[in-house]
Amino acid sequence: MSKLEQILLLDPPSDLRFKGPFTEVITTNLKLKNPSDRRVCFKVKTTAPRRYCVRPNSGIIDAGATVTISVMLQPFDYDPNEKSKHKFMVQSIFAPPNESELDAMWKDAKPDDLMDSKLRCVFDLPPENGRVNDMEGSTDVAAPVQNSSKAAPVQNSSKAADVPVAKAAAKMVSASMDDSEMKKLSEECRRLQADMGKLTEENRQLKDDGVRMRRAAQHSDHMTSNQTGSSSMMQHTTAASLPSLLVVIAAIFIGFFMGKFIL
């Protein structure tokens, strides 16, 4: 028994094109149309499941209806020398009248009942200098498309050559900034060390002045105490010699009067 031909109409029919740059999520649409009078189940598969998100990736298309599938390419580093080997496959099968569980239906489906279509992924770079290249033309314009794809590595190689230069310039700028900052920090350290030396010298002078002041105060107190002691001793000596003088004077007067009376 020969394999059944795909009943669904795919738009685009053979290629899924993603237009760069590829630094963010790129989304392209795939339309599935059911031209038959029966319900058709579909499932979308890919050879690179980690690189794409497909919404929805399975479902049922009613008779005469159309479903739009969003295929989202995740960001990556594009290499024009690397050919894309990513492919998609759309499988379809006629839905049985009483089948409600899709997983069970796909599990129990016979290979001869499955219909499939394959699509390849094509990565397009943005046109240069505003020129628009027609990627869906006839085979006559296929050569310019190939030439433009060959020219892409030259452009990217120049960009790749600019990248090390930019990195080197950034490193030089950062190094010069680091040197200037280091000089500023060393000057600030020297200034702080000088200030610390001045503060230490002032502190030492203040300590010496305090010691001298304490010694002068102690010497002044000692002199004051000596002067006070000598004056008190002089007063005591004067006070002690005063009665003896009075006795002598009294004896002189008494002898004087007694001499008069005797004579």
Protein backbone atom coordinates (compact mmCIF):
# COMPACT_ATOMS: atom_id res chain seq x y z
CA MET A 1 0.00 0.00 0.00
CA SER A 2 1.47 3.34 -1.06
CA LYS A 3 1.91 6.20 1.38
CA LEU A 4 -0.91 8.75 1.46
CA GLU A 5 -0.28 12.18 -0.01
CA GLN A 6 -0.41 15.16 2.35
CA ILE A 7 -3.96 16.44 2.55
CA LEU A 8 -3.04 19.77 4.18
CA LEU A 9 -1.93 22.78 2.17
CA LEU A 10 1.18 24.40 3.63
CA ASP A 11 2.09 28.06 3.27
CA PRO A 12 5.04 28.32 2.74
CA PRO A 13 5.18 24.90 1.12
CA SER A 14 8.87 23.97 1.49
CA ASP A 15 11.00 26.63 3.29
CA LEU A 16 10.72 28.36 6.64
CA ARG A 17 12.67 31.63 6.35
CA PHE A 18 14.05 33.53 9.32
CA LYS A 19 15.39 37.04 8.74
CA GLY A 20 18.26 38.25 10.94
CA PRO A 21 19.88 39.68 12.90
CA PHE A 22 19.53 36.72 15.20
CA THR A 23 20.26 38.47 18.50
CA GLU A 24 16.62 38.14 19.56
CA VAL A 25 13.69 35.79 19.03
CA ILE A 26 12.71 35.61 15.34
CA THR A 27 9.17 34.42 14.54
CA THR A 28 7.86 33.12 11.25
CA ASN A 29 4.37 31.77 10.51
CA LEU A 30 3.30 28.54 8.89
CA LYS A 31 -0.30 28.21 7.69
CA LEU A 32 -2.01 24.85 7.50
CA LYS A 33 -5.24 24.67 5.46
CA ASN A 34 -7.60 21.70 5.43
CA PRO A 35 -9.32 21.63 2.02
CA SER A 36 -11.10 18.32 2.69
CA ASP A 37 -14.54 17.71 4.19
CA ARG A 38 -13.13 15.74 7.12
CA ARG A 39 -11.39 16.81 10.31
CA VAL A 40 -7.61 16.41 10.20
CA CYS A 41 -5.20 16.05 13.12
CA PHE A 42 -1.73 17.55 12.76
CA LYS A 43 1.57 17.48 14.63
CA VAL A 44 4.73 19.59 14.03
CA LYS A 45 8.19 18.08 14.63
CA THR A 46 11.72 19.48 14.23
CA THR A 47 15.28 18.17 14.16
CA ALA A 48 16.39 20.95 16.60
CA PRO A 49 13.76 21.08 19.38
CA ARG A 50 16.00 23.17 21.67
CA ARG A 51 16.36 25.93 19.08
CA TYR A 52 12.68 26.46 18.29
CA CYS A 53 9.36 27.00 20.03
CA VAL A 54 6.24 26.01 18.11
CA ARG A 55 2.78 27.23 19.09
CA PRO A 56 0.60 25.25 18.67
CA ASN A 57 2.61 22.14 17.90
CA SER A 58 -0.45 19.87 17.50
CA GLY A 59 -4.20 20.05 17.16
CA ILE A 60 -7.23 19.36 14.97
CA ILE A 61 -8.22 21.35 11.88
CA ASP A 62 -11.89 21.35 10.95
CA ALA A 63 -13.00 20.84 7.38
CA GLY A 64 -12.21 23.89 5.25
CA ALA A 65 -10.45 25.67 8.15
CA THR A 66 -6.95 27.15 8.39
CA VAL A 67 -4.57 27.15 11.37
CA THR A 68 -1.57 29.51 11.78
CA ILE A 69 1.50 28.00 13.44
CA SER A 70 4.05 30.35 15.04
CA VAL A 71 7.62 29.06 14.79
CA MET A 72 9.99 31.01 17.08
CA LEU A 73 13.75 30.78 16.55
CA GLN A 74 15.75 31.37 19.73
CA PRO A 75 18.73 33.85 19.70
CA PHE A 76 22.10 32.42 18.64
CA ASP A 77 25.46 33.39 17.14
CA TYR A 78 25.00 33.27 13.39
CA ASP A 79 27.83 31.86 11.27
CA PRO A 80 27.30 32.45 7.51
CA ASN A 81 29.77 29.67 6.67
CA GLU A 82 27.65 27.11 8.47
CA LYS A 83 24.78 25.74 6.43
CA SER A 84 21.53 25.24 8.27
CA LYS A 85 20.55 21.61 8.61
CA HIS A 86 17.41 22.31 10.62
CA LYS A 87 14.23 20.78 9.25
CA PHE A 88 10.57 20.62 10.17
CA MET A 89 8.02 17.95 9.45
CA VAL A 90 4.24 18.34 9.51
CA GLN A 91 2.42 15.07 10.12
CA SER A 92 -1.29 14.73 9.62
CA ILE A 93 -3.97 12.05 9.89
CA PHE A 94 -7.72 11.98 9.44
CA ALA A 95 -9.42 12.27 12.78
CA PRO A 96 -11.72 9.34 13.62
CA PRO A 97 -15.32 10.29 14.39
CA ASN A 98 -15.26 9.31 18.05
CA GLU A 99 -11.61 9.97 18.91
CA SER A 100 -11.10 12.57 21.66
CA GLU A 101 -7.63 11.76 22.99
CA LEU A 102 -4.98 12.96 20.55
CA ASP A 103 -2.08 11.20 22.29
CA ALA A 104 -3.79 7.83 22.09
CA MET A 105 -4.75 8.45 18.47
CA TRP A 106 -1.17 9.25 17.44
CA LYS A 107 0.12 6.25 19.40
CA ASP A 108 -2.29 3.85 17.73
CA ALA A 109 -1.95 5.36 14.23
CA LYS A 110 -0.61 3.10 11.51
CA PRO A 111 2.32 4.35 9.41
CA ASP A 112 0.31 3.94 6.22
CA ASP A 113 -2.36 6.30 7.61
CA LEU A 114 0.12 9.11 8.31
CA MET A 115 0.70 11.95 5.87
CA ASP A 116 3.73 14.21 6.18
CA SER A 117 5.45 17.21 4.59
CA LYS A 118 9.02 18.38 5.20
CA LEU A 119 10.31 21.95 5.31
CA ARG A 120 13.86 23.22 5.57
CA CYS A 121 14.98 26.27 7.55
CA VAL A 122 16.64 29.18 5.74
CA PHE A 123 18.45 32.02 7.54
CA ASP A 124 18.46 35.35 5.71
CA LEU A 125 20.69 38.27 6.63
CA PRO A 126 19.22 41.78 6.40
CA PRO A 127 19.89 43.53 3.02
CA GLU A 128 22.89 45.86 2.80
CA ASN A 129 22.49 49.61 2.19
CA GLY A 130 18.72 49.32 1.97
CA ARG A 131 18.74 46.94 -1.00
CA VAL A 132 15.94 44.37 -0.91
CA ASN A 133 16.65 40.95 -2.38
CA ASP A 134 13.70 38.96 -3.65
CA MET A 135 14.10 35.54 -2.01
CA GLU A 136 10.97 34.04 -3.60
CA GLY A 137 11.70 34.71 -7.28
CA SER A 138 12.29 32.33 -10.11
CA THR A 139 15.48 30.35 -10.73
CA ASP A 140 16.84 33.25 -12.84
CA VAL A 141 17.39 35.36 -9.72
CA ALA A 142 18.84 32.50 -7.71
CA ALA A 143 22.41 33.42 -8.68
CA PRO A 144 22.32 36.95 -7.16
CA VAL A 145 20.98 35.43 -3.95
CA GLN A 146 23.90 33.02 -3.81
CA ASN A 147 26.35 35.82 -4.53
CA SER A 148 24.90 37.88 -1.73
CA SER A 149 25.22 34.92 0.59
CA LYS A 150 28.87 34.60 -0.43
CA ALA A 151 29.42 38.28 0.23
CA ALA A 152 28.12 37.84 3.75
CA PRO A 153 31.30 36.26 5.14
CA VAL A 154 33.35 39.26 3.98
CA GLN A 155 31.11 41.63 5.85
CA ASN A 156 31.14 39.47 8.95
CA SER A 157 34.90 39.00 8.76
CA SER A 158 35.37 42.76 8.81
CA LYS A 159 33.08 42.95 11.77
CA ALA A 160 35.04 40.16 13.40
CA ALA A 161 38.25 42.09 12.73
CA ASP A 162 36.75 45.18 14.32
CA VAL A 163 35.83 43.28 17.46
CA PRO A 164 39.42 42.64 18.71
CA VAL A 165 40.34 46.25 17.94
CA ALA A 166 37.38 47.50 19.94
CA LYS A 167 38.23 45.16 22.79
CA ALA A 168 41.86 46.26 22.76
CA ALA A 169 40.82 49.92 22.78
CA ALA A 170 38.46 49.26 25.66
CA LYS A 171 41.24 47.53 27.57
CA MET A 172 43.61 50.46 26.94
CA VAL A 173 41.00 52.93 28.12
CA SER A 174 40.29 50.87 31.22
CA ALA A 175 44.06 50.51 31.86
CA SER A 176 44.62 54.28 31.54
CA MET A 177 41.68 54.87 33.86
CA ASP A 178 43.15 52.39 36.32
CA ASP A 179 46.55 54.13 36.18
CA SER A 180 45.03 57.55 36.78
CA GLU A 181 42.96 56.20 39.65
CA MET A 182 46.03 54.53 41.14
CA LYS A 183 47.97 57.79 40.92
CA LYS A 184 45.15 59.65 42.63
CA LEU A 185 44.97 57.03 45.36
CA SER A 186 48.74 57.09 45.93
CA GLU A 187 48.72 60.90 46.15
CA GLU A 188 45.83 60.74 48.59
CA CYS A 189 47.73 58.17 50.69
CA ARG A 190 50.83 60.37 50.77
CA ARG A 191 48.74 63.38 51.78
CA LEU A 192 47.08 61.39 54.56
CA GLN A 193 50.46 60.15 55.79
CA ALA A 194 51.75 63.74 55.90
CA ASP A 195 48.67 64.81 57.85
CA MET A 196 49.19 61.93 60.27
CA GLY A 197 52.82 63.00 60.78
CA LYS A 198 51.75 66.56 61.52
CA LEU A 199 49.10 65.40 63.96
CA THR A 200 51.63 63.12 65.69
CA GLU A 201 54.13 66.02 66.05
CA GLU A 202 51.44 68.34 67.42
CA ASN A 203 50.36 65.67 69.88
CA ARG A 204 53.96 65.22 71.06
CA GLN A 205 54.40 68.99 71.51
CA LEU A 206 51.18 69.18 73.48
CA LYS A 207 52.40 66.38 75.75
CA ASP A 208 55.75 68.17 76.31
CA ASP A 209 53.95 71.43 77.08
CA GLY A 210 51.73 69.64 79.57
CA VAL A 211 54.74 68.07 81.30
CA ARG A 212 56.52 71.43 81.52
CA MET A 213 53.40 73.10 82.90
CA ARG A 214 52.99 70.40 85.55
CA ARG A 215 56.65 70.73 86.58
CA ALA A 216 56.36 74.53 86.78
CA ALA A 217 53.24 74.22 88.89
CA GLN A 218 54.95 71.78 91.25
CA HIS A 219 58.03 74.06 91.55
CA SER A 220 55.81 77.05 92.26
CA ASP A 221 53.96 75.15 94.97
CA HIS A 222 57.27 74.11 96.56
CA MET A 223 58.61 77.69 96.60
CA THR A 224 55.37 78.95 98.10
CA SER A 225 55.50 76.34 100.82
CA ASN A 226 59.18 77.24 101.62
CA GLN A 227 58.39 80.93 101.85
CA THR A 228 55.45 80.22 104.11
CA GLY A 229 57.60 78.07 106.43
CA SER A 230 60.42 80.68 106.74
CA SER A 231 58.00 83.48 107.53
CA SER A 232 56.33 81.38 110.20
CA MET A 233 59.73 80.56 111.72
CA MET A 234 60.67 84.24 111.76
CA GLN A 235 57.40 85.11 113.46
CA HIS A 236 57.95 82.35 115.99
CA THR A 237 61.54 83.55 116.71
CA THR A 238 60.35 87.14 117.06
CA ALA A 239 57.56 86.06 119.32
CA ALA A 240 59.99 83.99 121.40
CA SER A 241 62.60 86.79 121.77
CA LEU A 242 60.05 89.49 122.67
CA PRO A 243 59.51 88.45 126.37
CA SER A 244 63.27 88.26 126.99
CA LEU A 245 63.71 91.79 125.71
CA LEU A 246 60.90 93.01 127.90
CA VAL A 247 62.52 91.37 130.96
CA VAL A 248 65.84 93.04 130.15
CA ILE A 249 64.17 96.47 129.75
CA ALA A 250 62.26 95.96 132.99
CA ALA A 251 65.45 94.99 134.82
CA ILE A 252 67.19 98.11 133.50
CA PHE A 253 64.36 100.37 134.70
CA ILE A 254 64.22 98.68 138.06
CA GLY A 255 67.97 99.02 138.50
CA PHE A 256 67.82 102.64 137.46
CA PHE A 257 65.13 103.51 140.00
CA MET A 258 66.77 101.52 142.74
CA GLY A 259 70.07 103.35 142.11
CA LYS A 260 68.34 106.71 142.50
CA PHE A 261 66.74 105.78 145.78
CA ILE A 262 69.97 104.43 147.19
CA LEU A 263 71.96 107.48 146.26
